[in-house]
């Protein structure tokens, strides 16, 4: 895992606005489900899922299933330098991420609200 995560690989994986915003939110929160990301990023579920799959394939994210939900978190074997880059970018760019973070924070009781959010996106 760590062997193929060169700076070039990591930055190529993050070279998309949706993917980098996704990574910043997951770095901030620790773990998020697809529906939470769909609401926070104000994007369609298929688009978010496609970007999550790319980030998982790159080795930056791992997932776990819990019932009908799939939760994403930073891959547990990420090298320290990747964690440092993500944390530095997050801390230095809170204003840039603030609209997404605000939508996420306003979800309140997220597991329950996430289902409502997903239903409204699908409908």
PDB file of N, CA and C in Angstrom:
ATOM      1  N   UNK A   1       0.836  -1.191   0.000  1.00  0.00           N
ATOM      2  CA  UNK A   1       0.000   0.000   0.000  1.00  0.00           C
ATOM      3  C   UNK A   1       0.878   1.250   0.000  1.00  0.00           C
ATOM      4  N   UNK A   2       1.679   1.414   1.005  1.00  0.00           N
ATOM      5  CA  UNK A   2       2.475   2.638   1.140  1.00  0.00           C
ATOM      6  C   UNK A   2       3.510   2.766   0.022  1.00  0.00           C
ATOM      7  N   UNK A   3       3.945   1.633  -0.549  1.00  0.00           N
ATOM      8  CA  UNK A   3       4.965   1.664  -1.592  1.00  0.00           C
ATOM      9  C   UNK A   3       4.520   2.435  -2.828  1.00  0.00           C
ATOM     10  N   UNK A   4       3.256   2.323  -3.216  1.00  0.00           N
ATOM     11  CA  UNK A   4       2.816   2.982  -4.441  1.00  0.00           C
ATOM     12  C   UNK A   4       2.306   4.404  -4.211  1.00  0.00           C
ATOM     13  N   UNK A   5       2.226   4.835  -2.971  1.00  0.00           N
ATOM     14  CA  UNK A   5       1.753   6.196  -2.693  1.00  0.00           C
ATOM     15  C   UNK A   5       2.914   7.185  -2.725  1.00  0.00           C
ATOM     16  N   UNK A   6       3.287   7.513  -3.941  1.00  0.00           N
ATOM     17  CA  UNK A   6       4.311   8.534  -4.140  1.00  0.00           C
ATOM     18  C   UNK A   6       3.615   9.892  -4.178  1.00  0.00           C
ATOM     19  N   UNK A   7       4.359  10.973  -4.043  1.00  0.00           N
ATOM     20  CA  UNK A   7       3.724  12.290  -4.188  1.00  0.00           C
ATOM     21  C   UNK A   7       2.974  12.430  -5.514  1.00  0.00           C
ATOM     22  N   UNK A   8       3.526  11.914  -6.593  1.00  0.00           N
ATOM     23  CA  UNK A   8       2.850  12.009  -7.881  1.00  0.00           C
ATOM     24  C   UNK A   8       1.509  11.278  -7.840  1.00  0.00           C
ATOM     25  N   UNK A   9       1.487  10.079  -7.301  1.00  0.00           N
ATOM     26  CA  UNK A   9       0.250   9.305  -7.203  1.00  0.00           C
ATOM     27  C   UNK A   9      -0.794  10.028  -6.362  1.00  0.00           C
ATOM     28  N   UNK A  10      -0.390  10.508  -5.199  1.00  0.00           N
ATOM     29  CA  UNK A  10      -1.321  11.183  -4.295  1.00  0.00           C
ATOM     30  C   UNK A  10      -1.886  12.435  -4.939  1.00  0.00           C
ATOM     31  N   UNK A  11      -1.034  13.259  -5.508  1.00  0.00           N
ATOM     32  CA  UNK A  11      -1.517  14.514  -6.078  1.00  0.00           C
ATOM     33  C   UNK A  11      -2.357  14.284  -7.335  1.00  0.00           C
ATOM     34  N   UNK A  12      -2.059  13.250  -8.107  1.00  0.00           N
ATOM     35  CA  UNK A  12      -2.921  12.911  -9.246  1.00  0.00           C
ATOM     36  C   UNK A  12      -4.303  12.486  -8.755  1.00  0.00           C
ATOM     37  N   UNK A  13      -4.339  11.709  -7.665  1.00  0.00           N
ATOM     38  CA  UNK A  13      -5.623  11.272  -7.094  1.00  0.00           C
ATOM     39  C   UNK A  13      -6.437  12.461  -6.587  1.00  0.00           C
ATOM     40  N   UNK A  14      -5.761  13.474  -6.114  1.00  0.00           N
ATOM     41  CA  UNK A  14      -6.442  14.637  -5.541  1.00  0.00           C
ATOM     42  C   UNK A  14      -6.666  15.758  -6.565  1.00  0.00           C
ATOM     43  N   UNK A  15      -6.309  15.525  -7.816  1.00  0.00           N
ATOM     44  CA  UNK A  15      -6.377  16.579  -8.836  1.00  0.00           C
ATOM     45  C   UNK A  15      -7.784  16.746  -9.402  1.00  0.00           C
ATOM     46  N   UNK A  16      -8.758  16.835  -8.515  1.00  0.00           N
ATOM     47  CA  UNK A  16     -10.147  17.077  -8.896  1.00  0.00           C
ATOM     48  C   UNK A  16     -10.823  17.745  -7.712  1.00  0.00           C
ATOM     49  N   UNK A  17     -11.615  18.771  -7.981  1.00  0.00           N
ATOM     50  CA  UNK A  17     -12.258  19.528  -6.914  1.00  0.00           C
ATOM     51  C   UNK A  17     -13.123  18.641  -6.013  1.00  0.00           C
ATOM     52  N   UNK A  18     -13.921  17.764  -6.604  1.00  0.00           N
ATOM     53  CA  UNK A  18     -14.794  16.902  -5.800  1.00  0.00           C
ATOM     54  C   UNK A  18     -13.978  15.950  -4.937  1.00  0.00           C
ATOM     55  N   UNK A  19     -12.923  15.379  -5.487  1.00  0.00           N
ATOM     56  CA  UNK A  19     -12.114  14.438  -4.706  1.00  0.00           C
ATOM     57  C   UNK A  19     -11.381  15.132  -3.566  1.00  0.00           C
ATOM     58  N   UNK A  20     -10.814  16.315  -3.822  1.00  0.00           N
ATOM     59  CA  UNK A  20     -10.078  16.977  -2.741  1.00  0.00           C
ATOM     60  C   UNK A  20     -11.048  17.464  -1.658  1.00  0.00           C
ATOM     61  N   UNK A  21     -12.219  17.951  -2.037  1.00  0.00           N
ATOM     62  CA  UNK A  21     -13.214  18.356  -1.034  1.00  0.00           C
ATOM     63  C   UNK A  21     -13.685  17.155  -0.225  1.00  0.00           C
ATOM     64  N   UNK A  22     -13.862  16.018  -0.900  1.00  0.00           N
ATOM     65  CA  UNK A  22     -14.231  14.783  -0.206  1.00  0.00           C
ATOM     66  C   UNK A  22     -13.164  14.407   0.818  1.00  0.00           C
ATOM     67  N   UNK A  23     -11.912  14.435   0.398  1.00  0.00           N
ATOM     68  CA  UNK A  23     -10.816  14.083   1.306  1.00  0.00           C
ATOM     69  C   UNK A  23     -10.723  15.048   2.479  1.00  0.00           C
ATOM     70  N   UNK A  24     -10.959  16.334   2.232  1.00  0.00           N
ATOM     71  CA  UNK A  24     -10.905  17.308   3.320  1.00  0.00           C
ATOM     72  C   UNK A  24     -12.024  17.046   4.332  1.00  0.00           C
ATOM     73  N   UNK A  25     -13.225  16.753   3.855  1.00  0.00           N
ATOM     74  CA  UNK A  25     -14.330  16.472   4.776  1.00  0.00           C
ATOM     75  C   UNK A  25     -14.087  15.193   5.569  1.00  0.00           C
ATOM     76  N   UNK A  26     -13.567  14.171   4.922  1.00  0.00           N
ATOM     77  CA  UNK A  26     -13.285  12.924   5.641  1.00  0.00           C
ATOM     78  C   UNK A  26     -12.137  13.126   6.613  1.00  0.00           C
ATOM     79  N   UNK A  27     -11.134  13.901   6.234  1.00  0.00           N
ATOM     80  CA  UNK A  27     -10.044  14.216   7.171  1.00  0.00           C
ATOM     81  C   UNK A  27     -10.604  14.957   8.386  1.00  0.00           C
ATOM     82  N   UNK A  28     -11.509  15.881   8.145  1.00  0.00           N
ATOM     83  CA  UNK A  28     -12.127  16.671   9.224  1.00  0.00           C
ATOM     84  C   UNK A  28     -12.989  15.814  10.139  1.00  0.00           C
ATOM     85  N   UNK A  29     -13.786  14.921   9.557  1.00  0.00           N
ATOM     86  CA  UNK A  29     -14.786  14.171  10.314  1.00  0.00           C
ATOM     87  C   UNK A  29     -14.327  12.793  10.782  1.00  0.00           C
ATOM     88  N   UNK A  30     -13.347  12.224  10.123  1.00  0.00           N
ATOM     89  CA  UNK A  30     -12.901  10.879  10.478  1.00  0.00           C
ATOM     90  C   UNK A  30     -13.553   9.813   9.618  1.00  0.00           C
ATOM     91  N   UNK A  31     -14.859   9.900   9.455  1.00  0.00           N
ATOM     92  CA  UNK A  31     -15.591   8.916   8.656  1.00  0.00           C
ATOM     93  C   UNK A  31     -16.911   9.530   8.218  1.00  0.00           C
ATOM     94  N   UNK A  32     -17.289   9.304   6.960  1.00  0.00           N
ATOM     95  CA  UNK A  32     -18.558   9.817   6.444  1.00  0.00           C
ATOM     96  C   UNK A  32     -19.185   8.780   5.519  1.00  0.00           C
ATOM     97  N   UNK A  33     -20.515   8.782   5.485  1.00  0.00           N
ATOM     98  CA  UNK A  33     -21.205   7.900   4.547  1.00  0.00           C
ATOM     99  C   UNK A  33     -21.454   8.652   3.242  1.00  0.00           C
ATOM    100  N   UNK A  34     -21.803   7.902   2.218  1.00  0.00           N
ATOM    101  CA  UNK A  34     -22.042   8.472   0.897  1.00  0.00           C
ATOM    102  C   UNK A  34     -23.093   9.571   0.969  1.00  0.00           C
ATOM    103  N   UNK A  35     -24.167   9.329   1.712  1.00  0.00           N
ATOM    104  CA  UNK A  35     -25.247  10.317   1.788  1.00  0.00           C
ATOM    105  C   UNK A  35     -24.788  11.613   2.450  1.00  0.00           C
ATOM    106  N   UNK A  36     -23.953  11.503   3.467  1.00  0.00           N
ATOM    107  CA  UNK A  36     -23.435  12.718   4.101  1.00  0.00           C
ATOM    108  C   UNK A  36     -22.598  13.520   3.111  1.00  0.00           C
ATOM    109  N   UNK A  37     -21.776  12.821   2.337  1.00  0.00           N
ATOM    110  CA  UNK A  37     -20.950  13.506   1.337  1.00  0.00           C
ATOM    111  C   UNK A  37     -21.802  14.099   0.225  1.00  0.00           C
ATOM    112  N   UNK A  38     -22.844  13.385  -0.178  1.00  0.00           N
ATOM    113  CA  UNK A  38     -23.753  13.884  -1.212  1.00  0.00           C
ATOM    114  C   UNK A  38     -24.367  15.208  -0.770  1.00  0.00           C
ATOM    115  N   UNK A  39     -24.807  15.257   0.476  1.00  0.00           N
ATOM    116  CA  UNK A  39     -25.414  16.485   0.992  1.00  0.00           C
ATOM    117  C   UNK A  39     -24.376  17.592   1.166  1.00  0.00           C
ATOM    118  N   UNK A  40     -23.253  17.268   1.772  1.00  0.00           N
ATOM    119  CA  UNK A  40     -22.230  18.282   2.049  1.00  0.00           C
ATOM    120  C   UNK A  40     -21.684  18.896   0.763  1.00  0.00           C
ATOM    121  N   UNK A  41     -21.471  18.080  -0.246  1.00  0.00           N
ATOM    122  CA  UNK A  41     -20.877  18.560  -1.487  1.00  0.00           C
ATOM    123  C   UNK A  41     -21.915  19.030  -2.496  1.00  0.00           C
ATOM    124  N   UNK A  42     -23.187  18.801  -2.173  1.00  0.00           N
ATOM    125  CA  UNK A  42     -24.295  19.230  -3.035  1.00  0.00           C
ATOM    126  C   UNK A  42     -24.136  18.672  -4.452  1.00  0.00           C
ATOM    127  N   UNK A  43     -23.819  17.380  -4.506  1.00  0.00           N
ATOM    128  CA  UNK A  43     -23.613  16.677  -5.772  1.00  0.00           C
ATOM    129  C   UNK A  43     -24.478  15.427  -5.796  1.00  0.00           C
ATOM    130  N   UNK A  44     -24.627  14.842  -6.973  1.00  0.00           N
ATOM    131  CA  UNK A  44     -25.436  13.631  -7.106  1.00  0.00           C
ATOM    132  C   UNK A  44     -24.720  12.431  -6.486  1.00  0.00           C
ATOM    133  N   UNK A  45     -25.502  11.465  -6.058  1.00  0.00           N
ATOM    134  CA  UNK A  45     -24.940  10.252  -5.465  1.00  0.00           C
ATOM    135  C   UNK A  45     -24.038   9.501  -6.453  1.00  0.00           C
ATOM    136  N   UNK A  46     -24.428   9.343  -7.724  1.00  0.00           N
ATOM    137  CA  UNK A  46     -23.520   8.648  -8.647  1.00  0.00           C
ATOM    138  C   UNK A  46     -22.167   9.346  -8.810  1.00  0.00           C
ATOM    139  N   UNK A  47     -22.175  10.677  -8.846  1.00  0.00           N
ATOM    140  CA  UNK A  47     -20.910  11.416  -8.979  1.00  0.00           C
ATOM    141  C   UNK A  47     -20.034  11.202  -7.750  1.00  0.00           C
ATOM    142  N   UNK A  48     -20.624  11.322  -6.561  1.00  0.00           N
ATOM    143  CA  UNK A  48     -19.852  11.114  -5.321  1.00  0.00           C
ATOM    144  C   UNK A  48     -19.322   9.692  -5.267  1.00  0.00           C
ATOM    145  N   UNK A  49     -20.161   8.718  -5.581  1.00  0.00           N
ATOM    146  CA  UNK A  49     -19.730   7.315  -5.542  1.00  0.00           C
ATOM    147  C   UNK A  49     -18.585   7.046  -6.514  1.00  0.00           C
ATOM    148  N   UNK A  50     -18.642   7.650  -7.690  1.00  0.00           N
ATOM    149  CA  UNK A  50     -17.575   7.473  -8.671  1.00  0.00           C
ATOM    150  C   UNK A  50     -16.245   8.024  -8.132  1.00  0.00           C
ATOM    151  N   UNK A  51     -16.292   9.203  -7.525  1.00  0.00           N
ATOM    152  CA  UNK A  51     -15.064   9.783  -6.972  1.00  0.00           C
ATOM    153  C   UNK A  51     -14.562   8.996  -5.761  1.00  0.00           C
ATOM    154  N   UNK A  52     -15.474   8.505  -4.932  1.00  0.00           N
ATOM    155  CA  UNK A  52     -15.069   7.676  -3.794  1.00  0.00           C
ATOM    156  C   UNK A  52     -14.374   6.399  -4.280  1.00  0.00           C
ATOM    157  N   UNK A  53     -14.897   5.798  -5.342  1.00  0.00           N
ATOM    158  CA  UNK A  53     -14.269   4.594  -5.899  1.00  0.00           C
ATOM    159  C   UNK A  53     -12.854   4.902  -6.381  1.00  0.00           C
ATOM    160  N   UNK A  54     -12.661   6.062  -7.012  1.00  0.00           N
ATOM    161  CA  UNK A  54     -11.325   6.444  -7.469  1.00  0.00           C
ATOM    162  C   UNK A  54     -10.377   6.630  -6.287  1.00  0.00           C
ATOM    163  N   UNK A  55     -10.853   7.271  -5.233  1.00  0.00           N
ATOM    164  CA  UNK A  55     -10.011   7.491  -4.052  1.00  0.00           C
ATOM    165  C   UNK A  55      -9.682   6.169  -3.346  1.00  0.00           C
ATOM    166  N   UNK A  56     -10.612   5.244  -3.369  1.00  0.00           N
ATOM    167  CA  UNK A  56     -10.370   3.922  -2.783  1.00  0.00           C
ATOM    168  C   UNK A  56      -9.351   3.160  -3.636  1.00  0.00           C
ATOM    169  N   UNK A  57      -9.504   3.229  -4.960  1.00  0.00           N
ATOM    170  CA  UNK A  57      -8.572   2.554  -5.866  1.00  0.00           C
ATOM    171  C   UNK A  57      -7.161   3.113  -5.718  1.00  0.00           C
ATOM    172  N   UNK A  58      -7.053   4.412  -5.516  1.00  0.00           N
ATOM    173  CA  UNK A  58      -5.738   5.052  -5.299  1.00  0.00           C
ATOM    174  C   UNK A  58      -5.096   4.602  -3.982  1.00  0.00           C
ATOM    175  N   UNK A  59      -5.897   4.118  -3.069  1.00  0.00           N
ATOM    176  CA  UNK A  59      -5.373   3.703  -1.774  1.00  0.00           C
ATOM    177  C   UNK A  59      -5.479   4.775  -0.707  1.00  0.00           C
ATOM    178  N   UNK A  60      -6.197   5.858  -1.002  1.00  0.00           N
ATOM    179  CA  UNK A  60      -6.331   6.932  -0.013  1.00  0.00           C
ATOM    180  C   UNK A  60      -7.477   6.680   0.971  1.00  0.00           C
ATOM    181  N   UNK A  61      -8.503   5.962   0.533  1.00  0.00           N
ATOM    182  CA  UNK A  61      -9.659   5.697   1.391  1.00  0.00           C
ATOM    183  C   UNK A  61      -9.901   4.206   1.542  1.00  0.00           C
ATOM    184  N   UNK A  62     -10.538   3.858   2.635  1.00  0.00           N
ATOM    185  CA  UNK A  62     -11.075   2.512   2.803  1.00  0.00           C
ATOM    186  C   UNK A  62     -12.538   2.667   3.183  1.00  0.00           C
ATOM    187  N   UNK A  63     -13.291   1.591   3.036  1.00  0.00           N
ATOM    188  CA  UNK A  63     -14.718   1.680   3.335  1.00  0.00           C
ATOM    189  C   UNK A  63     -15.137   0.524   4.225  1.00  0.00           C
ATOM    190  N   UNK A  64     -16.305   0.694   4.822  1.00  0.00           N
ATOM    191  CA  UNK A  64     -16.928  -0.374   5.601  1.00  0.00           C
ATOM    192  C   UNK A  64     -18.431  -0.256   5.419  1.00  0.00           C
ATOM    193  N   UNK A  65     -19.064  -1.395   5.408  1.00  0.00           N
ATOM    194  CA  UNK A  65     -20.515  -1.425   5.261  1.00  0.00           C
ATOM    195  C   UNK A  65     -21.158  -1.641   6.613  1.00  0.00           C
ATOM    196  N   UNK A  66     -22.246  -0.923   6.816  1.00  0.00           N
ATOM    197  CA  UNK A  66     -23.053  -1.110   8.015  1.00  0.00           C
ATOM    198  C   UNK A  66     -24.508  -1.041   7.562  1.00  0.00           C
ATOM    199  N   UNK A  67     -25.122  -2.213   7.401  1.00  0.00           N
ATOM    200  CA  UNK A  67     -26.471  -2.271   6.873  1.00  0.00           C
ATOM    201  C   UNK A  67     -26.483  -1.749   5.445  1.00  0.00           C
ATOM    202  N   UNK A  68     -27.354  -0.799   5.164  1.00  0.00           N
ATOM    203  CA  UNK A  68     -27.441  -0.236   3.809  1.00  0.00           C
ATOM    204  C   UNK A  68     -26.431   0.878   3.571  1.00  0.00           C
ATOM    205  N   UNK A  69     -25.714   1.305   4.599  1.00  0.00           N
ATOM    206  CA  UNK A  69     -24.795   2.434   4.482  1.00  0.00           C
ATOM    207  C   UNK A  69     -23.376   1.950   4.209  1.00  0.00           C
ATOM    208  N   UNK A  70     -22.642   2.745   3.454  1.00  0.00           N
ATOM    209  CA  UNK A  70     -21.214   2.523   3.237  1.00  0.00           C
ATOM    210  C   UNK A  70     -20.499   3.752   3.775  1.00  0.00           C
ATOM    211  N   UNK A  71     -19.572   3.532   4.694  1.00  0.00           N
ATOM    212  CA  UNK A  71     -18.823   4.616   5.330  1.00  0.00           C
ATOM    213  C   UNK A  71     -17.388   4.616   4.821  1.00  0.00           C
ATOM    214  N   UNK A  72     -16.858   5.807   4.599  1.00  0.00           N
ATOM    215  CA  UNK A  72     -15.501   5.986   4.089  1.00  0.00           C
ATOM    216  C   UNK A  72     -14.644   6.706   5.113  1.00  0.00           C
ATOM    217  N   UNK A  73     -13.382   6.274   5.195  1.00  0.00           N
ATOM    218  CA  UNK A  73     -12.408   6.892   6.098  1.00  0.00           C
ATOM    219  C   UNK A  73     -11.043   6.836   5.423  1.00  0.00           C
ATOM    220  N   UNK A  74     -10.110   7.601   5.950  1.00  0.00           N
ATOM    221  CA  UNK A  74      -8.748   7.542   5.417  1.00  0.00           C
ATOM    222  C   UNK A  74      -8.232   6.120   5.580  1.00  0.00           C
ATOM    223  N   UNK A  75      -7.514   5.649   4.585  1.00  0.00           N
ATOM    224  CA  UNK A  75      -6.982   4.286   4.657  1.00  0.00           C
ATOM    225  C   UNK A  75      -6.071   4.171   5.872  1.00  0.00           C
ATOM    226  N   UNK A  76      -6.216   3.103   6.655  1.00  0.00           N
ATOM    227  CA  UNK A  76      -5.417   2.987   7.886  1.00  0.00           C
ATOM    228  C   UNK A  76      -3.911   2.876   7.647  1.00  0.00           C
ATOM    229  N   UNK A  77      -3.486   2.505   6.443  1.00  0.00           N
ATOM    230  CA  UNK A  77      -2.055   2.360   6.167  1.00  0.00           C
ATOM    231  C   UNK A  77      -1.455   3.551   5.424  1.00  0.00           C
ATOM    232  N   UNK A  78      -2.158   4.685   5.454  1.00  0.00           N
ATOM    233  CA  UNK A  78      -1.582   5.869   4.800  1.00  0.00           C
ATOM    234  C   UNK A  78      -0.276   6.257   5.474  1.00  0.00           C
ATOM    235  N   UNK A  79       0.718   6.606   4.693  1.00  0.00           N
ATOM    236  CA  UNK A  79       1.972   7.086   5.291  1.00  0.00           C
ATOM    237  C   UNK A  79       1.739   8.388   6.065  1.00  0.00           C
ATOM    238  N   UNK A  80       2.572   8.629   7.044  1.00  0.00           N
ATOM    239  CA  UNK A  80       2.452   9.843   7.862  1.00  0.00           C
ATOM    240  C   UNK A  80       2.487  11.111   7.011  1.00  0.00           C
ATOM    241  N   UNK A  81       3.308  11.133   5.964  1.00  0.00           N
ATOM    242  CA  UNK A  81       3.420  12.349   5.157  1.00  0.00           C
ATOM    243  C   UNK A  81       2.095  12.678   4.483  1.00  0.00           C
ATOM    244  N   UNK A  82       1.300  11.669   4.110  1.00  0.00           N
ATOM    245  CA  UNK A  82       0.005  11.925   3.484  1.00  0.00           C
ATOM    246  C   UNK A  82      -0.943  12.530   4.516  1.00  0.00           C
ATOM    247  N   UNK A  83      -0.951  11.975   5.731  1.00  0.00           N
ATOM    248  CA  UNK A  83      -1.763  12.551   6.808  1.00  0.00           C
ATOM    249  C   UNK A  83      -1.370  14.005   7.061  1.00  0.00           C
ATOM    250  N   UNK A  84      -0.068  14.285   7.070  1.00  0.00           N
ATOM    251  CA  UNK A  84       0.403  15.650   7.308  1.00  0.00           C
ATOM    252  C   UNK A  84      -0.044  16.597   6.203  1.00  0.00           C
ATOM    253  N   UNK A  85       0.029  16.146   4.954  1.00  0.00           N
ATOM    254  CA  UNK A  85      -0.411  16.980   3.831  1.00  0.00           C
ATOM    255  C   UNK A  85      -1.899  17.281   3.964  1.00  0.00           C
ATOM    256  N   UNK A  86      -2.709  16.255   4.216  1.00  0.00           N
ATOM    257  CA  UNK A  86      -4.157  16.443   4.327  1.00  0.00           C
ATOM    258  C   UNK A  86      -4.517  17.366   5.483  1.00  0.00           C
ATOM    259  N   UNK A  87      -3.877  17.166   6.617  1.00  0.00           N
ATOM    260  CA  UNK A  87      -4.144  17.999   7.788  1.00  0.00           C
ATOM    261  C   UNK A  87      -3.733  19.450   7.541  1.00  0.00           C
ATOM    262  N   UNK A  88      -2.576  19.654   6.936  1.00  0.00           N
ATOM    263  CA  UNK A  88      -2.101  21.009   6.640  1.00  0.00           C
ATOM    264  C   UNK A  88      -3.040  21.713   5.667  1.00  0.00           C
ATOM    265  N   UNK A  89      -3.457  21.012   4.621  1.00  0.00           N
ATOM    266  CA  UNK A  89      -4.378  21.605   3.641  1.00  0.00           C
ATOM    267  C   UNK A  89      -5.704  21.943   4.318  1.00  0.00           C
ATOM    268  N   UNK A  90      -6.210  21.053   5.125  1.00  0.00           N
ATOM    269  CA  UNK A  90      -7.470  21.299   5.830  1.00  0.00           C
ATOM    270  C   UNK A  90      -7.358  22.517   6.744  1.00  0.00           C
ATOM    271  N   UNK A  91      -6.337  22.555   7.580  1.00  0.00           N
ATOM    272  CA  UNK A  91      -6.174  23.650   8.538  1.00  0.00           C
ATOM    273  C   UNK A  91      -5.946  24.999   7.841  1.00  0.00           C
ATOM    274  N   UNK A  92      -5.307  24.976   6.702  1.00  0.00           N
ATOM    275  CA  UNK A  92      -4.977  26.213   5.998  1.00  0.00           C
ATOM    276  C   UNK A  92      -6.071  26.689   5.055  1.00  0.00           C
ATOM    277  N   UNK A  93      -7.128  25.899   4.879  1.00  0.00           N
ATOM    278  CA  UNK A  93      -8.150  26.225   3.894  1.00  0.00           C
ATOM    279  C   UNK A  93      -9.563  26.055   4.419  1.00  0.00           C
ATOM    280  N   UNK A  94      -9.760  26.368   5.686  1.00  0.00           N
ATOM    281  CA  UNK A  94     -11.095  26.207   6.277  1.00  0.00           C
ATOM    282  C   UNK A  94     -12.138  27.086   5.579  1.00  0.00           C
ATOM    283  N   UNK A  95     -11.745  28.275   5.179  1.00  0.00           N
ATOM    284  CA  UNK A  95     -12.698  29.163   4.504  1.00  0.00           C
ATOM    285  C   UNK A  95     -13.156  28.560   3.179  1.00  0.00           C
ATOM    286  N   UNK A  96     -12.242  27.963   2.440  1.00  0.00           N
ATOM    287  CA  UNK A  96     -12.548  27.319   1.158  1.00  0.00           C
ATOM    288  C   UNK A  96     -13.526  26.166   1.340  1.00  0.00           C
ATOM    289  N   UNK A  97     -13.367  25.420   2.430  1.00  0.00           N
ATOM    290  CA  UNK A  97     -14.219  24.256   2.691  1.00  0.00           C
ATOM    291  C   UNK A  97     -15.493  24.619   3.449  1.00  0.00           C
ATOM    292  N   UNK A  98     -15.590  25.851   3.924  1.00  0.00           N
ATOM    293  CA  UNK A  98     -16.684  26.208   4.831  1.00  0.00           C
ATOM    294  C   UNK A  98     -18.090  25.978   4.283  1.00  0.00           C
ATOM    295  N   UNK A  99     -18.403  26.227   3.004  1.00  0.00           N
ATOM    296  CA  UNK A  99     -19.775  25.937   2.553  1.00  0.00           C
ATOM    297  C   UNK A  99     -20.128  24.448   2.680  1.00  0.00           C
ATOM    298  N   UNK A 100     -19.178  23.580   2.347  1.00  0.00           N
ATOM    299  CA  UNK A 100     -19.408  22.141   2.456  1.00  0.00           C
ATOM    300  C   UNK A 100     -19.524  21.729   3.919  1.00  0.00           C
ATOM    301  N   UNK A 101     -18.624  22.244   4.752  1.00  0.00           N
ATOM    302  CA  UNK A 101     -18.651  21.916   6.170  1.00  0.00           C
ATOM    303  C   UNK A 101     -19.940  22.406   6.823  1.00  0.00           C
ATOM    304  N   UNK A 102     -20.410  23.570   6.395  1.00  0.00           N
ATOM    305  CA  UNK A 102     -21.646  24.118   6.951  1.00  0.00           C
ATOM    306  C   UNK A 102     -22.837  23.225   6.601  1.00  0.00           C
ATOM    307  N   UNK A 103     -22.920  22.783   5.342  1.00  0.00           N
ATOM    308  CA  UNK A 103     -24.020  21.889   4.952  1.00  0.00           C
ATOM    309  C   UNK A 103     -23.963  20.601   5.764  1.00  0.00           C
ATOM    310  N   UNK A 104     -22.767  20.078   5.980  1.00  0.00           N
ATOM    311  CA  UNK A 104     -22.606  18.859   6.764  1.00  0.00           C
ATOM    312  C   UNK A 104     -23.009  19.097   8.213  1.00  0.00           C
ATOM    313  N   UNK A 105     -22.538  20.193   8.798  1.00  0.00           N
ATOM    314  CA  UNK A 105     -22.847  20.500  10.197  1.00  0.00           C
ATOM    315  C   UNK A 105     -24.338  20.728  10.419  1.00  0.00           C
ATOM    316  N   UNK A 106     -25.004  21.281   9.428  1.00  0.00           N
ATOM    317  CA  UNK A 106     -26.431  21.564   9.574  1.00  0.00           C
ATOM    318  C   UNK A 106     -27.302  20.325   9.452  1.00  0.00           C
ATOM    319  N   UNK A 107     -26.706  19.202   9.117  1.00  0.00           N
ATOM    320  CA  UNK A 107     -27.482  17.964   9.015  1.00  0.00           C
ATOM    321  C   UNK A 107     -27.950  17.475  10.379  1.00  0.00           C
ATOM    322  N   UNK A 108     -27.313  17.938  11.453  1.00  0.00           N
ATOM    323  CA  UNK A 108     -27.743  17.537  12.796  1.00  0.00           C
ATOM    324  C   UNK A 108     -27.498  16.062  13.042  1.00  0.00           C
ATOM    325  N   UNK A 109     -28.563  15.339  13.361  1.00  0.00           N
ATOM    326  CA  UNK A 109     -28.477  13.905  13.623  1.00  0.00           C
ATOM    327  C   UNK A 109     -28.273  13.199  12.290  1.00  0.00           C
ATOM    328  N   UNK A 110     -27.036  13.102  11.888  1.00  0.00           N
ATOM    329  CA  UNK A 110     -26.729  12.730  10.514  1.00  0.00           C
ATOM    330  C   UNK A 110     -27.218  11.363  10.063  1.00  0.00           C
ATOM    331  N   UNK A 111     -27.101  10.312  10.827  1.00  0.00           N
ATOM    332  CA  UNK A 111     -27.593   9.042  10.271  1.00  0.00           C
ATOM    333  C   UNK A 111     -29.067   9.115   9.864  1.00  0.00           C
ATOM    334  N   UNK A 112     -29.900   9.738  10.676  1.00  0.00           N
ATOM    335  CA  UNK A 112     -31.309   9.874  10.351  1.00  0.00           C
ATOM    336  C   UNK A 112     -31.501  10.893   9.234  1.00  0.00           C
ATOM    337  N   UNK A 113     -30.833  12.031   9.347  1.00  0.00           N
ATOM    338  CA  UNK A 113     -30.976  13.110   8.362  1.00  0.00           C
ATOM    339  C   UNK A 113     -30.365  12.709   7.022  1.00  0.00           C
ATOM    340  N   UNK A 114     -29.314  11.867   7.052  1.00  0.00           N
ATOM    341  CA  UNK A 114     -28.690  11.452   5.804  1.00  0.00           C
ATOM    342  C   UNK A 114     -29.689  10.686   4.946  1.00  0.00           C
ATOM    343  N   UNK A 115     -30.511   9.861   5.559  1.00  0.00           N
ATOM    344  CA  UNK A 115     -31.510   9.110   4.795  1.00  0.00           C
ATOM    345  C   UNK A 115     -32.490  10.068   4.134  1.00  0.00           C
ATOM    346  N   UNK A 116     -32.897  11.092   4.860  1.00  0.00           N
ATOM    347  CA  UNK A 116     -33.802  12.084   4.299  1.00  0.00           C
ATOM    348  C   UNK A 116     -33.125  12.812   3.154  1.00  0.00           C
ATOM    349  N   UNK A 117     -31.854  13.149   3.346  1.00  0.00           N
ATOM    350  CA  UNK A 117     -31.113  13.865   2.321  1.00  0.00           C
ATOM    351  C   UNK A 117     -31.000  13.017   1.053  1.00  0.00           C
ATOM    352  N   UNK A 118     -30.681  11.765   1.207  1.00  0.00           N
ATOM    353  CA  UNK A 118     -30.560  10.888   0.040  1.00  0.00           C
ATOM    354  C   UNK A 118     -31.895  10.745  -0.678  1.00  0.00           C
ATOM    355  N   UNK A 119     -32.962  10.619   0.074  1.00  0.00           N
ATOM    356  CA  UNK A 119     -34.280  10.494  -0.549  1.00  0.00           C
ATOM    357  C   UNK A 119     -34.612  11.736  -1.358  1.00  0.00           C
ATOM    358  N   UNK A 120     -34.237  12.904  -0.838  1.00  0.00           N
ATOM    359  CA  UNK A 120     -34.551  14.128  -1.568  1.00  0.00           C
ATOM    360  C   UNK A 120     -33.702  14.247  -2.824  1.00  0.00           C
ATOM    361  N   UNK A 121     -32.483  13.731  -2.834  1.00  0.00           N
ATOM    362  CA  UNK A 121     -31.629  13.776  -4.019  1.00  0.00           C
ATOM    363  C   UNK A 121     -32.126  12.799  -5.081  1.00  0.00           C
ATOM    364  N   UNK A 122     -32.631  11.625  -4.633  1.00  0.00           N
ATOM    365  CA  UNK A 122     -33.088  10.596  -5.557  1.00  0.00           C
ATOM    366  C   UNK A 122     -34.426  11.006  -6.173  1.00  0.00           C
ATOM    367  N   UNK A 123     -35.274  11.632  -5.377  1.00  0.00           N
ATOM    368  CA  UNK A 123     -36.632  11.986  -5.853  1.00  0.00           C
ATOM    369  C   UNK A 123     -36.613  13.024  -6.945  1.00  0.00           C
TER     370      UNK A 123
END
